[in-house]
């Protein structure tokens, strides 16, 4: 009987201590971590700007006189929607965007982007379910506009800037290659399986180069792109705009 009472007394002393230990661990185990890799599925709206007019592509093959001509209607072209993916890391208050890519299309205009970035992040509540991230992205943006497909009926080949590029040109394009920097601000809600984010940014175009792309050779746009009055277009037909809006999903992988 004394042994039974001894073990019962020992149990009453031991169990509250263990229960207290367990209670101190459980709340922390359910909180989101500060260190994780994120795989992102994104939708973007990139602003565009440029010459808000109906332009005309016109070029005459130098050897046979064949005329290549196509309307380039960019009136009202103010933005281009994109979808993309990315991979990033949040390590405490440090945020690194290892790689982010996207592509988009609207009204005969294509684009794709590829960028990297870095900045910081901070939790907005004690449960760490809301997080604010601020960073700067450096990215490359490629914009193109389809200017038609052409066949040389003389079968002598198109002579473009002194180079014979064959008798068939498919999807000749106006292209713009741009290097941009964009400060971004994102608000993230961290749920159980997926995180949700919404972000805005301001874009700075650091450098851009416009060409008429014949694939095997290229021309400056002033040699083949004109205003409606026949004046050559020197620059700025379609260039990146000033804003970026994005929404997306993030899948976290704890480090």
Protein backbone atom coordinates (compact mmCIF):
# COMPACT_ATOMS: atom_id res chain seq x y z
CA UNK A 1 0.00 0.00 0.00
CA UNK A 2 2.84 2.37 0.88
CA UNK A 3 4.51 1.61 -2.48
CA UNK A 4 1.27 2.42 -4.36
CA UNK A 5 0.91 5.75 -2.52
CA UNK A 6 4.57 6.54 -3.26
CA UNK A 7 4.15 6.00 -7.03
CA UNK A 8 0.89 8.02 -7.12
CA UNK A 9 2.60 10.89 -5.31
CA UNK A 10 5.56 10.73 -7.71
CA UNK A 11 3.22 10.83 -10.71
CA UNK A 12 1.46 13.97 -9.37
CA UNK A 13 4.86 15.68 -9.01
CA UNK A 14 6.28 14.55 -12.40
CA UNK A 15 3.30 15.09 -14.73
CA UNK A 16 2.77 18.84 -14.12
CA UNK A 17 6.47 19.46 -14.79
CA UNK A 18 6.35 17.57 -18.12
CA UNK A 19 3.06 19.26 -19.06
CA UNK A 20 4.62 22.66 -18.48
CA UNK A 21 7.58 21.71 -20.72
CA UNK A 22 5.23 20.61 -23.49
CA UNK A 23 3.18 23.82 -23.28
CA UNK A 24 6.29 25.92 -23.76
CA UNK A 25 7.15 24.11 -27.03
CA UNK A 26 3.80 23.81 -28.81
CA UNK A 27 3.06 27.50 -29.50
CA UNK A 28 6.43 27.99 -31.22
CA UNK A 29 6.09 24.86 -33.36
CA UNK A 30 3.04 26.26 -35.19
CA UNK A 31 4.55 29.68 -36.03
CA UNK A 32 5.93 30.37 -39.51
CA UNK A 33 9.69 30.31 -39.77
CA UNK A 34 11.83 33.36 -40.58
CA UNK A 35 14.11 31.31 -42.84
CA UNK A 36 12.67 29.72 -45.97
CA UNK A 37 13.01 29.26 -49.71
CA UNK A 38 9.98 30.43 -51.71
CA UNK A 39 8.77 29.16 -55.09
CA UNK A 40 6.57 31.85 -56.64
CA UNK A 41 3.74 31.73 -59.18
CA UNK A 42 3.06 35.29 -60.30
CA UNK A 43 0.84 37.53 -62.44
CA UNK A 44 2.16 40.97 -63.42
CA UNK A 45 0.93 44.10 -65.10
CA UNK A 46 3.88 45.97 -66.64
CA UNK A 47 3.32 49.54 -67.70
CA UNK A 48 4.39 50.55 -71.22
CA UNK A 49 4.92 53.93 -72.83
CA UNK A 50 6.13 55.25 -76.14
CA UNK A 51 4.68 56.75 -79.30
CA UNK A 52 0.91 56.58 -78.99
CA UNK A 53 0.35 56.60 -82.75
CA UNK A 54 -0.32 54.38 -85.73
CA UNK A 55 3.16 53.84 -87.21
CA UNK A 56 4.15 52.30 -90.53
CA UNK A 57 6.89 49.76 -91.26
CA UNK A 58 8.23 50.16 -94.79
CA UNK A 59 11.38 48.74 -96.38
CA UNK A 60 12.42 48.14 -100.02
CA UNK A 61 14.75 45.23 -100.80
CA UNK A 62 17.87 46.75 -102.30
CA UNK A 63 18.39 44.17 -105.07
CA UNK A 64 14.92 43.45 -106.45
CA UNK A 65 12.73 46.35 -105.31
CA UNK A 66 10.29 44.19 -103.33
CA UNK A 67 8.41 46.33 -100.82
CA UNK A 68 7.84 45.09 -97.29
CA UNK A 69 5.13 47.11 -95.58
CA UNK A 70 3.07 46.62 -92.41
CA UNK A 71 0.91 48.72 -90.11
CA UNK A 72 2.22 49.08 -86.52
CA UNK A 73 -0.79 50.15 -84.49
CA UNK A 74 0.33 50.99 -80.96
CA UNK A 75 -2.38 53.51 -80.09
CA UNK A 76 -3.49 52.94 -76.49
CA UNK A 77 -0.66 50.51 -75.71
CA UNK A 78 -0.18 51.38 -72.03
CA UNK A 79 0.47 48.01 -70.40
CA UNK A 80 1.15 44.33 -71.01
CA UNK A 81 0.00 41.49 -68.68
CA UNK A 82 2.54 38.78 -67.78
CA UNK A 83 2.63 35.45 -65.99
CA UNK A 84 5.81 34.14 -64.41
CA UNK A 85 7.69 32.11 -61.82
CA UNK A 86 10.52 32.81 -59.42
CA UNK A 87 12.64 31.49 -56.59
CA UNK A 88 13.69 33.55 -53.57
CA UNK A 89 14.96 33.24 -50.02
CA UNK A 90 13.93 34.98 -46.82
CA UNK A 91 16.60 34.70 -44.13
CA UNK A 92 15.56 36.68 -41.06
CA UNK A 93 15.24 40.25 -42.29
CA UNK A 94 17.22 39.60 -45.48
CA UNK A 95 15.38 38.95 -48.74
CA UNK A 96 17.08 37.67 -51.92
CA UNK A 97 15.34 37.22 -55.26
CA UNK A 98 17.54 34.60 -56.91
CA UNK A 99 15.66 34.53 -60.21
CA UNK A 100 12.34 35.77 -61.57
CA UNK A 101 11.07 35.36 -65.11
CA UNK A 102 7.84 36.14 -66.95
CA UNK A 103 6.30 36.51 -70.39
CA UNK A 104 3.24 38.25 -71.78
CA UNK A 105 1.20 39.15 -74.85
CA UNK A 106 -1.27 41.83 -75.94
CA UNK A 107 -2.38 42.93 -79.43
CA UNK A 108 0.57 41.63 -81.52
CA UNK A 109 3.04 42.63 -78.77
CA UNK A 110 5.12 40.04 -76.91
CA UNK A 111 7.50 40.50 -74.03
CA UNK A 112 9.61 38.48 -71.63
CA UNK A 113 11.58 39.47 -68.54
CA UNK A 114 14.39 37.98 -66.45
CA UNK A 115 15.64 39.53 -63.23
CA UNK A 116 17.31 39.28 -59.82
CA UNK A 117 17.08 41.42 -56.71
CA UNK A 118 17.72 41.90 -53.00
CA UNK A 119 16.29 43.79 -50.05
CA UNK A 120 14.70 43.24 -46.66
CA UNK A 121 11.60 41.79 -45.00
CA UNK A 122 9.83 42.31 -41.69
CA UNK A 123 6.96 40.51 -39.92
CA UNK A 124 4.01 42.78 -39.15
CA UNK A 125 2.45 40.76 -36.31
CA UNK A 126 3.57 38.40 -33.54
CA UNK A 127 2.20 35.32 -35.30
CA UNK A 128 4.30 36.23 -38.38
CA UNK A 129 1.34 35.69 -40.70
CA UNK A 130 1.75 39.13 -42.31
CA UNK A 131 5.08 40.12 -43.81
CA UNK A 132 6.25 43.26 -45.63
CA UNK A 133 9.08 43.01 -48.16
CA UNK A 134 10.98 45.82 -49.83
CA UNK A 135 13.67 45.23 -52.44
CA UNK A 136 15.15 46.38 -55.74
CA UNK A 137 14.99 44.21 -58.87
CA UNK A 138 17.45 44.52 -61.74
CA UNK A 139 15.96 42.91 -64.83
CA UNK A 140 16.12 42.58 -68.60
CA UNK A 141 12.95 43.18 -70.62
CA UNK A 142 12.55 42.15 -74.27
CA UNK A 143 9.61 43.66 -76.17
CA UNK A 144 8.59 42.71 -79.72
CA UNK A 145 5.85 43.65 -82.20
CA UNK A 146 5.01 41.46 -85.21
CA UNK A 147 5.51 43.23 -88.56
CA UNK A 148 4.38 40.47 -90.90
CA UNK A 149 5.66 37.58 -93.03
CA UNK A 150 7.13 38.13 -96.50
CA UNK A 151 7.93 36.01 -99.58
CA UNK A 152 10.24 37.15 -102.40
CA UNK A 153 8.40 36.42 -105.66
CA UNK A 154 11.55 37.05 -107.76
CA UNK A 155 13.34 34.23 -105.90
CA UNK A 156 16.53 36.30 -105.79
CA UNK A 157 16.31 36.77 -102.01
CA UNK A 158 15.76 39.85 -99.90
CA UNK A 159 18.77 42.16 -99.70
CA UNK A 160 18.73 43.79 -96.27
CA UNK A 161 21.50 46.23 -95.54
CA UNK A 162 23.82 44.43 -97.95
CA UNK A 163 23.02 40.91 -96.70
CA UNK A 164 20.92 38.43 -98.67
CA UNK A 165 18.67 36.78 -96.08
CA UNK A 166 16.74 34.42 -98.37
CA UNK A 167 13.37 34.44 -100.09
CA UNK A 168 11.16 33.97 -97.01
CA UNK A 169 10.96 36.02 -93.82
CA UNK A 170 8.55 34.78 -91.17
CA UNK A 171 7.29 37.05 -88.40
CA UNK A 172 9.61 39.97 -88.96
CA UNK A 173 9.66 42.04 -85.77
CA UNK A 174 10.26 45.39 -84.17
CA UNK A 175 12.25 44.63 -80.97
CA UNK A 176 13.39 46.57 -77.94
CA UNK A 177 15.96 45.23 -75.48
CA UNK A 178 15.82 47.13 -72.18
CA UNK A 179 17.72 47.04 -68.88
CA UNK A 180 15.55 48.19 -65.97
CA UNK A 181 15.66 48.68 -62.19
CA UNK A 182 12.52 48.63 -60.06
CA UNK A 183 12.10 49.29 -56.32
CA UNK A 184 9.32 46.93 -55.15
CA UNK A 185 7.07 46.78 -52.07
CA UNK A 186 5.13 43.58 -51.30
CA UNK A 187 2.60 42.57 -48.64
CA UNK A 188 2.47 38.82 -47.94
CA UNK A 189 -0.12 36.78 -46.03
CA UNK A 190 1.41 33.50 -44.85
CA UNK A 191 -1.19 30.73 -44.75
CA UNK A 192 -0.78 27.02 -43.98
CA UNK A 193 -0.03 25.70 -47.47
CA UNK A 194 0.40 28.74 -49.71
CA UNK A 195 1.29 32.37 -49.10
CA UNK A 196 -0.51 35.18 -50.91
CA UNK A 197 1.15 38.42 -51.98
CA UNK A 198 0.33 41.70 -53.66
CA UNK A 199 3.02 44.16 -54.71
CA UNK A 200 3.67 47.43 -56.51
CA UNK A 201 6.83 48.91 -57.96
CA UNK A 202 8.22 51.90 -59.83
CA UNK A 203 10.30 51.18 -62.91
CA UNK A 204 13.44 52.99 -64.08
CA UNK A 205 14.58 52.20 -67.63
CA UNK A 206 18.38 52.40 -67.50
CA UNK A 207 19.09 51.55 -71.14
CA UNK A 208 17.21 50.37 -74.22
CA UNK A 209 18.02 49.54 -77.85
CA UNK A 210 15.40 49.33 -80.61
CA UNK A 211 15.86 47.40 -83.86
CA UNK A 212 13.96 45.93 -86.81
CA UNK A 213 14.82 42.23 -86.53
CA UNK A 214 15.18 40.24 -89.78
CA UNK A 215 16.73 37.35 -87.76
CA UNK A 216 19.88 37.12 -89.86
CA UNK A 217 20.43 40.87 -89.71
CA UNK A 218 18.98 43.92 -87.97
CA UNK A 219 18.27 47.53 -88.92
CA UNK A 220 17.98 50.73 -86.86
CA UNK A 221 14.30 51.66 -86.59
CA UNK A 222 14.87 55.00 -88.36
CA UNK A 223 15.65 53.04 -91.56
CA UNK A 224 12.28 51.28 -91.73
CA UNK A 225 9.73 52.75 -89.28
CA UNK A 226 7.79 55.93 -90.04
CA UNK A 227 5.13 58.26 -88.70
CA UNK A 228 1.94 58.67 -90.74
CA UNK A 229 3.44 61.78 -92.38
CA UNK A 230 6.48 59.81 -93.59
CA UNK A 231 8.97 61.11 -91.02
CA UNK A 232 11.34 58.40 -89.69
CA UNK A 233 10.88 57.26 -86.09
CA UNK A 234 14.19 57.85 -84.28
CA UNK A 235 13.48 56.20 -80.92
CA UNK A 236 10.89 55.37 -78.25
CA UNK A 237 8.29 53.43 -80.26
CA UNK A 238 7.57 51.03 -77.34
CA UNK A 239 9.54 51.23 -74.09
CA UNK A 240 8.96 50.00 -70.51
CA UNK A 241 6.62 52.17 -68.47
CA UNK A 242 6.83 53.50 -64.93
CA UNK A 243 4.78 51.01 -62.91
CA UNK A 244 4.61 47.30 -62.07
CA UNK A 245 1.69 45.62 -60.28
CA UNK A 246 1.91 41.98 -59.20
CA UNK A 247 -0.07 39.32 -57.35
CA UNK A 248 0.98 35.78 -56.63
CA UNK A 249 1.27 32.59 -54.62
CA UNK A 250 4.33 31.42 -52.69
CA UNK A 251 5.12 27.87 -51.61
CA UNK A 252 7.51 27.88 -48.63
CA UNK A 253 10.27 25.34 -47.98
CA UNK A 254 11.75 25.72 -44.51
CA UNK A 255 15.55 25.94 -44.21
